[in-house]
Amino acid sequence: MSTQEQKNKRKFRSAGRMREIMTEYYIEAKSASQTGKPVAWITSGGPVEPLIVMDVIPVYPENYGAMIGASHMGSDLCAKAEAMGYSMDLCSYARADIACALENGGPIGGLPKPDMLVCCNNICGTVLKWYEIQARYFNVPLFIFDTPFCHTGFSDAARTYVRKQIDEYIDFLETVCRKKFDLDKSIEVGHRSIQGQRLWQKVLDTATHKPSPMTAFDAFFFLALIVTLRGTQTVVDYYTELLDEMNERIEQGIGAIENERYRILWDNLPIWYRLKWLSEKFASHDACLVADTYTTAWCGTMKYIDENNFIDSMAEAYTRIYLNIGVDEMAESVLGMIDKYEVDGVVMHSNRSCKPYSFGQYDIQQIIQKEKGLPCMMIESHMVDERSFSESQVDARIDAFMEIVSQRK
């Protein structure tokens, strides 16, 4: 079989359907002013299910930031934000989004104007000021969903505090949308949300097979639906089909890369503008990135959800997400993934755009090396701003890292 035939065999047929769904989603969002559906901008870790219940179209500036990065438009937009007075140390998602809003720029001609903003600080503190800026610019109401940081657990006081905000959130939506919240519908949405998350975890779990039918780079692409349309039947149907395809690949012995010898774990957000380069670079060393902490985080809180009491259990689930827990618990999660996917090394993206994700990495690295003795490497960059990425430096580091991995193997 020729090299091109092998590449074609490894292509995912589900990728085309994914693009169709996302295109339909953005068309619906962009035409919302004609259809009368309200649009809410919401942070990636925010509670989206109540929006689905209220027939509000959720739009994610962070998802859009990933599109900007993948389209190689990040550097220009970030520079424009800096010219407005924003620091280049600010999150590149925020800088790109702020610049896009002013000139209606970026991929697909910018995001649709929001009717409301929903900001949950379980991912970082930057989103608070970012969404305040956008609420003033668009002159729309803003709801802030405040989640206390879970250093060592989830106290009863925290549970009460966050649960009360869910009621306030529902009141906010009823006021803006001018209709009552449908509790019966919320039960259905909650079930679909959990079903979608379970299917997504099963898709990720197929990477435990050797050779892995997918890479973390594939997971970065397929992640979009569980973020954007969580709680809808579309997600359930799509991930059911994707899981079937993954299982078919396993049965047919189709690996994500041509010759998997080494299995690597990725930590932190992707470097969106270098996905293809990084994928090919690791594959040239016969290394498959079989798992990552980022895509796994979207189903990591299922254990806190009570399917029969979704609204109440949302409080703990949305508070105890991966970025809102202590370093020790983060490290425990990473160690579990190392065992589960039988990895040979860990690559950490020290992401200057996402400080909550990056600050504890050196501590986690030390724990990994102490507990598992695995080699780790750091890549310094922003996830969207290409000006911070040194290809020659990263290239040399990966070569050195893989040499260590191969010697240990």
Protein backbone atom coordinates (compact mmCIF):
# COMPACT_ATOMS: atom_id res chain seq x y z
CA MET A 1 0.00 0.00 0.00
CA SER A 2 1.39 3.42 -0.98
CA THR A 3 2.03 6.17 1.56
CA GLN A 4 -0.91 8.18 0.18
CA GLU A 5 -3.23 5.18 0.42
CA GLN A 6 -2.17 4.67 4.04
CA LYS A 7 -2.91 8.34 4.80
CA ASN A 8 -6.33 8.09 3.17
CA LYS A 9 -7.09 4.96 5.20
CA ARG A 10 -6.34 6.85 8.41
CA LYS A 11 -8.66 9.76 7.57
CA PHE A 12 -11.85 10.03 9.62
CA ARG A 13 -15.12 9.93 7.72
CA SER A 14 -16.73 11.64 10.74
CA ALA A 15 -14.65 14.77 10.18
CA GLY A 16 -16.83 15.90 7.29
CA ARG A 17 -20.01 15.55 9.31
CA MET A 18 -18.39 17.53 12.13
CA ARG A 19 -17.70 20.42 9.77
CA GLU A 20 -21.29 20.30 8.51
CA ILE A 21 -22.70 20.47 12.05
CA MET A 22 -20.47 23.39 13.05
CA THR A 23 -21.29 25.24 9.83
CA GLU A 24 -25.02 24.80 10.47
CA TYR A 25 -24.51 25.94 14.07
CA TYR A 26 -22.74 29.16 13.10
CA ILE A 27 -25.27 29.89 10.33
CA GLU A 28 -28.07 29.57 12.89
CA ALA A 29 -26.21 31.81 15.33
CA LYS A 30 -25.38 34.42 12.69
CA SER A 31 -29.00 34.51 11.47
CA ALA A 32 -30.53 34.65 14.96
CA SER A 33 -31.59 38.26 14.51
CA GLN A 34 -33.89 37.12 11.68
CA THR A 35 -35.27 34.05 13.47
CA GLY A 36 -35.83 35.76 16.81
CA LYS A 37 -33.71 33.33 18.82
CA PRO A 38 -31.63 34.99 21.55
CA VAL A 39 -27.84 34.56 21.54
CA ALA A 40 -25.72 34.25 24.68
CA TRP A 41 -21.95 34.47 24.77
CA ILE A 42 -20.79 32.07 27.47
CA THR A 43 -17.42 31.06 28.87
CA SER A 44 -16.25 27.56 27.95
CA GLY A 45 -16.67 26.20 31.49
CA GLY A 46 -20.03 27.86 32.04
CA PRO A 47 -23.31 26.02 32.71
CA VAL A 48 -24.77 25.82 29.20
CA GLU A 49 -27.67 23.44 29.85
CA PRO A 50 -30.06 26.16 31.16
CA LEU A 51 -29.46 28.07 27.91
CA ILE A 52 -30.43 25.00 25.89
CA VAL A 53 -33.59 24.67 28.00
CA MET A 54 -34.49 28.29 27.22
CA ASP A 55 -33.83 27.89 23.45
CA VAL A 56 -30.93 30.32 23.64
CA ILE A 57 -28.09 29.82 21.16
CA PRO A 58 -24.83 29.53 23.14
CA VAL A 59 -21.77 31.08 21.51
CA TYR A 60 -18.26 30.57 22.87
CA PRO A 61 -15.64 33.28 22.28
CA GLU A 62 -12.98 30.78 23.39
CA ASN A 63 -14.08 28.31 20.70
CA TYR A 64 -13.93 31.18 18.27
CA GLY A 65 -10.44 31.96 19.58
CA ALA A 66 -9.40 28.43 18.63
CA MET A 67 -10.77 29.06 15.12
CA ILE A 68 -8.78 32.29 14.98
CA GLY A 69 -5.61 30.44 15.98
CA ALA A 70 -6.16 27.61 13.51
CA SER A 71 -6.79 30.21 10.79
CA HIS A 72 -3.47 31.94 11.59
CA MET A 73 -5.26 35.23 12.33
CA GLY A 74 -4.28 35.43 15.99
CA SER A 75 -1.11 37.48 15.80
CA ASP A 76 -2.73 40.30 13.84
CA LEU A 77 -5.79 40.48 16.08
CA CYS A 78 -3.74 40.28 19.28
CA ALA A 79 -1.52 43.10 18.00
CA LYS A 80 -4.63 45.22 17.35
CA ALA A 81 -5.80 44.65 20.92
CA GLU A 82 -2.37 45.66 22.20
CA ALA A 83 -2.59 48.86 20.14
CA MET A 84 -5.82 49.57 22.06
CA GLY A 85 -3.86 49.37 25.30
CA TYR A 86 -4.27 45.72 26.31
CA SER A 87 -1.14 43.96 27.56
CA MET A 88 0.42 41.24 25.45
CA ASP A 89 0.54 39.16 28.66
CA LEU A 90 -3.27 39.01 28.62
CA CYS A 91 -4.95 35.80 27.43
CA SER A 92 -4.68 35.59 23.64
CA TYR A 93 -8.29 34.38 23.43
CA ALA A 94 -9.38 37.59 25.17
CA ARG A 95 -7.17 39.86 23.06
CA ALA A 96 -8.32 38.28 19.81
CA ASP A 97 -11.99 38.42 20.80
CA ILE A 98 -11.85 42.05 21.93
CA ALA A 99 -10.22 43.06 18.65
CA CYS A 100 -12.71 40.99 16.62
CA ALA A 101 -15.71 42.63 18.28
CA LEU A 102 -14.56 46.12 17.28
CA GLU A 103 -14.03 45.38 13.61
CA ASN A 104 -16.30 42.35 13.11
CA GLY A 105 -13.21 40.48 11.95
CA GLY A 106 -11.80 37.01 12.18
CA PRO A 107 -13.12 33.78 10.64
CA ILE A 108 -16.78 33.78 9.45
CA GLY A 109 -16.81 37.58 9.73
CA GLY A 110 -16.97 37.72 13.50
CA LEU A 111 -19.43 36.36 16.04
CA PRO A 112 -23.14 37.26 16.16
CA LYS A 113 -24.05 40.13 18.46
CA PRO A 114 -24.99 38.75 21.89
CA ASP A 115 -28.28 39.43 23.63
CA MET A 116 -26.70 38.49 26.95
CA LEU A 117 -23.40 37.30 28.39
CA VAL A 118 -22.87 34.47 30.89
CA CYS A 119 -19.50 34.41 32.62
CA CYS A 120 -18.36 31.58 34.90
CA ASN A 121 -15.00 32.07 36.60
CA ASN A 122 -14.30 28.35 37.13
CA ILE A 123 -11.68 28.50 34.37
CA CYS A 124 -9.87 31.73 35.30
CA GLY A 125 -10.26 35.27 36.61
CA THR A 126 -9.50 36.94 33.28
CA VAL A 127 -12.98 36.12 31.95
CA LEU A 128 -14.55 38.47 34.52
CA LYS A 129 -12.97 41.61 33.07
CA TRP A 130 -13.11 40.26 29.51
CA TYR A 131 -16.89 39.79 29.71
CA GLU A 132 -17.39 43.09 31.51
CA ILE A 133 -15.65 44.80 28.58
CA GLN A 134 -17.89 43.06 26.07
CA ALA A 135 -21.05 43.69 28.10
CA ARG A 136 -20.28 47.42 28.05
CA TYR A 137 -19.39 47.38 24.35
CA PHE A 138 -22.56 45.55 23.26
CA ASN A 139 -24.69 47.11 26.02
CA VAL A 140 -26.25 43.79 27.04
CA PRO A 141 -26.91 42.18 30.45
CA LEU A 142 -24.16 40.09 32.04
CA PHE A 143 -24.60 37.24 34.51
CA ILE A 144 -21.56 36.27 36.58
CA PHE A 145 -21.59 32.72 37.93
CA ASP A 146 -19.03 32.68 40.75
CA THR A 147 -17.41 29.39 41.75
CA PRO A 148 -15.06 29.25 44.75
CA PHE A 149 -11.72 27.53 44.16
CA CYS A 150 -11.65 23.95 45.45
CA HIS A 151 -8.24 23.66 47.08
CA THR A 152 -8.93 20.39 48.90
CA GLY A 153 -12.60 19.56 48.38
CA PHE A 154 -16.11 20.93 48.09
CA SER A 155 -17.54 22.25 51.36
CA ASP A 156 -21.21 22.43 52.30
CA ALA A 157 -20.90 26.22 52.36
CA ALA A 158 -19.59 26.22 48.79
CA ARG A 159 -22.39 23.89 47.71
CA THR A 160 -25.04 26.17 49.19
CA TYR A 161 -23.41 29.27 47.70
CA VAL A 162 -23.16 27.90 44.17
CA ARG A 163 -26.57 26.21 44.24
CA LYS A 164 -28.22 29.52 45.11
CA GLN A 165 -26.61 31.05 42.05
CA ILE A 166 -28.25 28.45 39.80
CA ASP A 167 -31.62 29.83 40.91
CA GLU A 168 -30.36 33.36 40.26
CA TYR A 169 -29.11 32.25 36.84
CA ILE A 170 -32.53 30.82 35.96
CA ASP A 171 -34.20 34.05 37.15
CA PHE A 172 -31.79 36.03 34.95
CA LEU A 173 -32.66 33.90 31.90
CA GLU A 174 -36.39 34.19 32.55
CA THR A 175 -36.07 37.98 32.73
CA VAL A 176 -33.98 38.34 29.57
CA CYS A 177 -35.91 35.73 27.55
CA ARG A 178 -39.31 36.78 28.94
CA LYS A 179 -40.53 33.26 29.51
CA LYS A 180 -40.58 30.66 32.28
CA PHE A 181 -37.92 28.01 32.74
CA ASP A 182 -39.25 24.57 31.81
CA LEU A 183 -38.23 22.13 34.56
CA ASP A 184 -39.44 19.09 32.61
CA LYS A 185 -37.34 20.11 29.64
CA SER A 186 -34.35 20.66 31.94
CA ILE A 187 -34.53 16.99 32.96
CA GLU A 188 -34.36 15.94 29.29
CA VAL A 189 -31.47 18.33 28.59
CA GLY A 190 -29.64 17.07 31.66
CA HIS A 191 -29.94 13.46 30.53
CA ARG A 192 -28.66 14.35 27.05
CA SER A 193 -25.79 16.29 28.57
CA ILE A 194 -24.66 13.30 30.64
CA GLN A 195 -25.21 10.90 27.74
CA GLY A 196 -23.07 13.08 25.48
CA GLN A 197 -20.30 13.31 28.07
CA ARG A 198 -20.29 9.54 28.57
CA LEU A 199 -20.04 8.97 24.84
CA TRP A 200 -17.20 11.48 24.59
CA GLN A 201 -15.32 9.66 27.34
CA LYS A 202 -15.83 6.37 25.50
CA VAL A 203 -14.41 7.94 22.35
CA LEU A 204 -11.33 9.09 24.29
CA ASP A 205 -11.04 5.67 25.92
CA THR A 206 -10.54 3.99 22.54
CA ALA A 207 -7.03 5.45 22.69
CA THR A 208 -6.19 2.88 25.38
CA HIS A 209 -5.96 0.38 22.51
CA LYS A 210 -2.59 -0.27 20.90
CA PRO A 211 -2.20 1.12 18.33
CA SER A 212 -4.45 4.04 19.20
CA PRO A 213 -7.13 4.78 16.60
CA MET A 214 -6.86 8.51 17.32
CA THR A 215 -4.43 11.11 18.62
CA ALA A 216 -4.90 14.02 20.99
CA PHE A 217 -4.73 16.25 17.91
CA ASP A 218 -7.80 14.45 16.57
CA ALA A 219 -9.49 14.85 19.95
CA PHE A 220 -8.85 18.61 19.84
CA PHE A 221 -10.85 18.72 16.61
CA PHE A 222 -13.69 16.42 17.68
CA LEU A 223 -14.06 18.20 21.05
CA ALA A 224 -16.00 21.15 19.62
CA LEU A 225 -19.46 19.59 19.93
CA ILE A 226 -19.27 18.60 23.59
CA VAL A 227 -18.34 22.20 24.37
CA THR A 228 -20.66 24.03 21.99
CA LEU A 229 -23.84 21.92 21.91
CA ARG A 230 -23.71 19.98 25.16
CA GLY A 231 -27.21 18.92 26.18
CA THR A 232 -28.52 18.47 22.63
CA GLN A 233 -29.43 15.32 20.71
CA THR A 234 -26.98 16.40 18.00
CA VAL A 235 -24.08 15.68 20.35
CA VAL A 236 -25.44 12.29 21.35
CA ASP A 237 -26.01 11.21 17.75
CA TYR A 238 -22.65 12.47 16.52
CA TYR A 239 -20.53 10.89 19.25
CA THR A 240 -22.42 7.61 18.83
CA GLU A 241 -21.34 7.59 15.18
CA LEU A 242 -17.80 8.68 16.05
CA LEU A 243 -17.48 5.91 18.66
CA ASP A 244 -18.63 3.36 16.09
CA GLU A 245 -15.97 4.61 13.70
CA MET A 246 -13.26 4.38 16.36
CA ASN A 247 -14.24 0.81 17.18
CA GLU A 248 -14.18 -0.06 13.48
CA ARG A 249 -10.67 1.31 13.23
CA ILE A 250 -9.62 -0.84 16.17
CA GLU A 251 -11.14 -3.95 14.59
CA GLN A 252 -9.38 -3.20 11.30
CA GLY A 253 -6.06 -2.43 12.99
CA ILE A 254 -5.97 1.17 11.76
CA GLY A 255 -3.64 3.22 13.95
CA ALA A 256 -3.69 7.01 14.09
CA ILE A 257 -0.04 7.09 13.05
CA GLU A 258 1.80 4.70 10.78
CA ASN A 259 4.10 3.07 13.31
CA GLU A 260 3.16 3.66 16.94
CA ARG A 261 6.11 2.91 19.22
CA TYR A 262 5.76 5.56 21.90
CA ARG A 263 2.67 6.87 23.67
CA ILE A 264 2.66 10.46 24.89
CA LEU A 265 0.35 12.52 27.13
CA TRP A 266 -0.27 16.23 26.39
CA ASP A 267 -1.06 18.73 29.16
CA ASN A 268 -2.80 22.11 28.67
CA LEU A 269 -4.59 23.71 25.74
CA PRO A 270 -3.51 23.02 22.16
CA ILE A 271 -1.24 25.32 20.19
CA TRP A 272 -3.92 25.87 17.59
CA TYR A 273 -1.76 27.34 14.85
CA ARG A 274 0.79 24.48 14.99
CA LEU A 275 -1.41 21.39 15.33
CA LYS A 276 -0.43 19.89 11.99
CA TRP A 277 3.27 20.64 12.47
CA LEU A 278 3.32 19.16 15.98
CA SER A 279 1.35 16.11 14.85
CA GLU A 280 3.77 15.41 12.03
CA LYS A 281 6.79 16.11 14.23
CA PHE A 282 5.81 13.57 16.88
CA ALA A 283 4.70 11.06 14.24
CA SER A 284 8.17 11.31 12.66
CA HIS A 285 9.46 9.87 15.95
CA ASP A 286 6.79 7.12 15.89
CA ALA A 287 5.15 8.88 18.84
CA CYS A 288 1.38 9.02 19.20
CA LEU A 289 -0.13 11.58 21.56
CA VAL A 290 -2.80 9.24 22.90
CA ALA A 291 -4.40 11.48 25.52
CA ASP A 292 -4.53 14.99 26.94
CA THR A 293 -5.84 16.71 30.03
CA TYR A 294 -7.79 19.34 28.06
CA THR A 295 -10.28 17.17 26.16
CA THR A 296 -10.62 14.81 29.14
CA ALA A 297 -11.70 17.72 31.34
CA TRP A 298 -15.02 17.96 29.49
CA CYS A 299 -16.23 14.73 31.03
CA GLY A 300 -14.16 14.71 34.22
CA THR A 301 -16.95 15.96 36.48
CA MET A 302 -19.58 13.38 35.54
CA LYS A 303 -18.99 11.64 38.85
CA TYR A 304 -20.54 14.63 40.61
CA ILE A 305 -23.75 14.62 38.54
CA ASP A 306 -26.96 13.03 39.76
CA GLU A 307 -28.92 12.20 36.61
CA ASN A 308 -32.17 12.32 38.53
CA ASN A 309 -31.34 15.71 40.05
CA PHE A 310 -29.30 17.45 37.38
CA ILE A 311 -30.05 21.07 38.36
CA ASP A 312 -28.97 20.61 41.99
CA SER A 313 -25.88 18.54 41.19
CA MET A 314 -24.71 21.10 38.62
CA ALA A 315 -23.38 23.16 41.52
CA GLU A 316 -20.64 20.69 42.38
CA ALA A 317 -19.97 19.59 38.80
CA TYR A 318 -19.38 23.10 37.49
CA THR A 319 -17.29 24.07 40.50
CA ARG A 320 -14.95 21.07 40.57
CA ILE A 321 -13.74 21.24 36.98
CA TYR A 322 -10.07 20.55 36.24
CA LEU A 323 -8.92 24.19 36.32
CA ASN A 324 -10.68 24.95 39.60
CA ILE A 325 -9.02 22.31 41.79
CA GLY A 326 -5.72 22.16 43.68
CA VAL A 327 -2.42 21.01 42.18
CA ASP A 328 -2.40 17.77 44.17
CA GLU A 329 -5.77 16.75 42.71
CA MET A 330 -4.62 17.80 39.25
CA ALA A 331 -1.52 15.65 39.61
CA GLU A 332 -3.63 12.70 40.78
CA SER A 333 -5.72 13.03 37.63
CA VAL A 334 -2.61 13.12 35.42
CA LEU A 335 -1.11 10.09 37.15
CA GLY A 336 -4.35 8.21 36.56
CA MET A 337 -4.20 9.06 32.85
CA ILE A 338 -0.58 7.92 32.65
CA ASP A 339 -1.60 4.49 33.95
CA LYS A 340 -4.79 4.30 31.93
CA TYR A 341 -3.21 5.10 28.57
CA GLU A 342 0.18 3.50 29.38
CA VAL A 343 2.16 6.54 28.30
CA ASP A 344 5.92 6.78 27.92
CA GLY A 345 6.33 10.52 28.42
CA VAL A 346 4.50 13.79 29.08
CA VAL A 347 4.54 17.01 27.04
CA MET A 348 3.46 20.13 28.92
CA HIS A 349 2.42 23.27 27.09
CA SER A 350 3.43 26.11 29.39
CA ASN A 351 0.71 28.37 28.09
CA ARG A 352 1.31 32.06 28.74
CA SER A 353 -2.34 32.70 27.86
CA CYS A 354 -3.73 30.38 30.52
CA LYS A 355 -2.04 30.94 33.84
CA PRO A 356 -4.39 28.76 35.97
CA TYR A 357 -3.56 25.85 33.66
CA SER A 358 0.18 26.54 33.67
CA PHE A 359 1.18 27.71 37.14
CA GLY A 360 1.24 24.28 38.75
CA GLN A 361 2.90 22.43 35.89
CA TYR A 362 6.39 22.30 37.36
CA ASP A 363 4.98 20.85 40.59
CA ILE A 364 3.00 18.28 38.57
CA GLN A 365 6.12 17.49 36.55
CA GLN A 366 8.07 16.76 39.73
CA ILE A 367 5.26 14.51 41.00
CA ILE A 368 5.20 12.62 37.69
CA GLN A 369 8.93 12.10 37.72
CA LYS A 370 8.89 11.00 41.36
CA GLU A 371 5.88 8.66 41.09
CA LYS A 372 6.34 7.32 37.55
CA GLY A 373 9.89 8.18 36.53
CA LEU A 374 8.67 9.41 33.16
CA PRO A 375 10.46 12.02 31.04
CA CYS A 376 8.63 15.35 30.71
CA MET A 377 9.20 18.33 28.45
CA MET A 378 7.92 21.90 28.38
CA ILE A 379 6.84 23.92 25.36
CA GLU A 380 6.40 27.66 26.01
CA SER A 381 3.86 29.50 23.88
CA HIS A 382 0.43 31.13 23.59
CA MET A 383 -2.44 29.07 22.21
CA VAL A 384 -3.41 31.71 19.63
CA ASP A 385 -0.62 34.31 19.34
CA GLU A 386 2.00 32.87 16.96
CA ARG A 387 4.57 35.53 17.83
CA SER A 388 5.42 33.61 21.00
CA PHE A 389 6.25 30.33 19.24
CA SER A 390 9.83 29.43 18.30
CA GLU A 391 9.64 26.53 15.86
CA SER A 392 13.38 25.87 15.85
CA GLN A 393 13.53 25.79 19.65
CA VAL A 394 10.51 23.49 19.98
CA ASP A 395 11.84 21.27 17.19
CA ALA A 396 15.14 20.78 19.02
CA ARG A 397 13.39 20.15 22.35
CA ILE A 398 11.12 17.49 20.88
CA ASP A 399 14.11 15.72 19.31
CA ALA A 400 15.93 15.70 22.66
CA PHE A 401 12.81 14.63 24.55
CA MET A 402 12.09 11.75 22.19
CA GLU A 403 15.70 10.59 22.45
CA ILE A 404 15.23 10.28 26.22
CA VAL A 405 11.89 8.49 25.74
CA SER A 406 13.41 6.02 23.29
CA GLN A 407 16.35 5.26 25.58
CA ARG A 408 14.04 4.61 28.50
CA LYS A 409 11.79 2.40 26.39
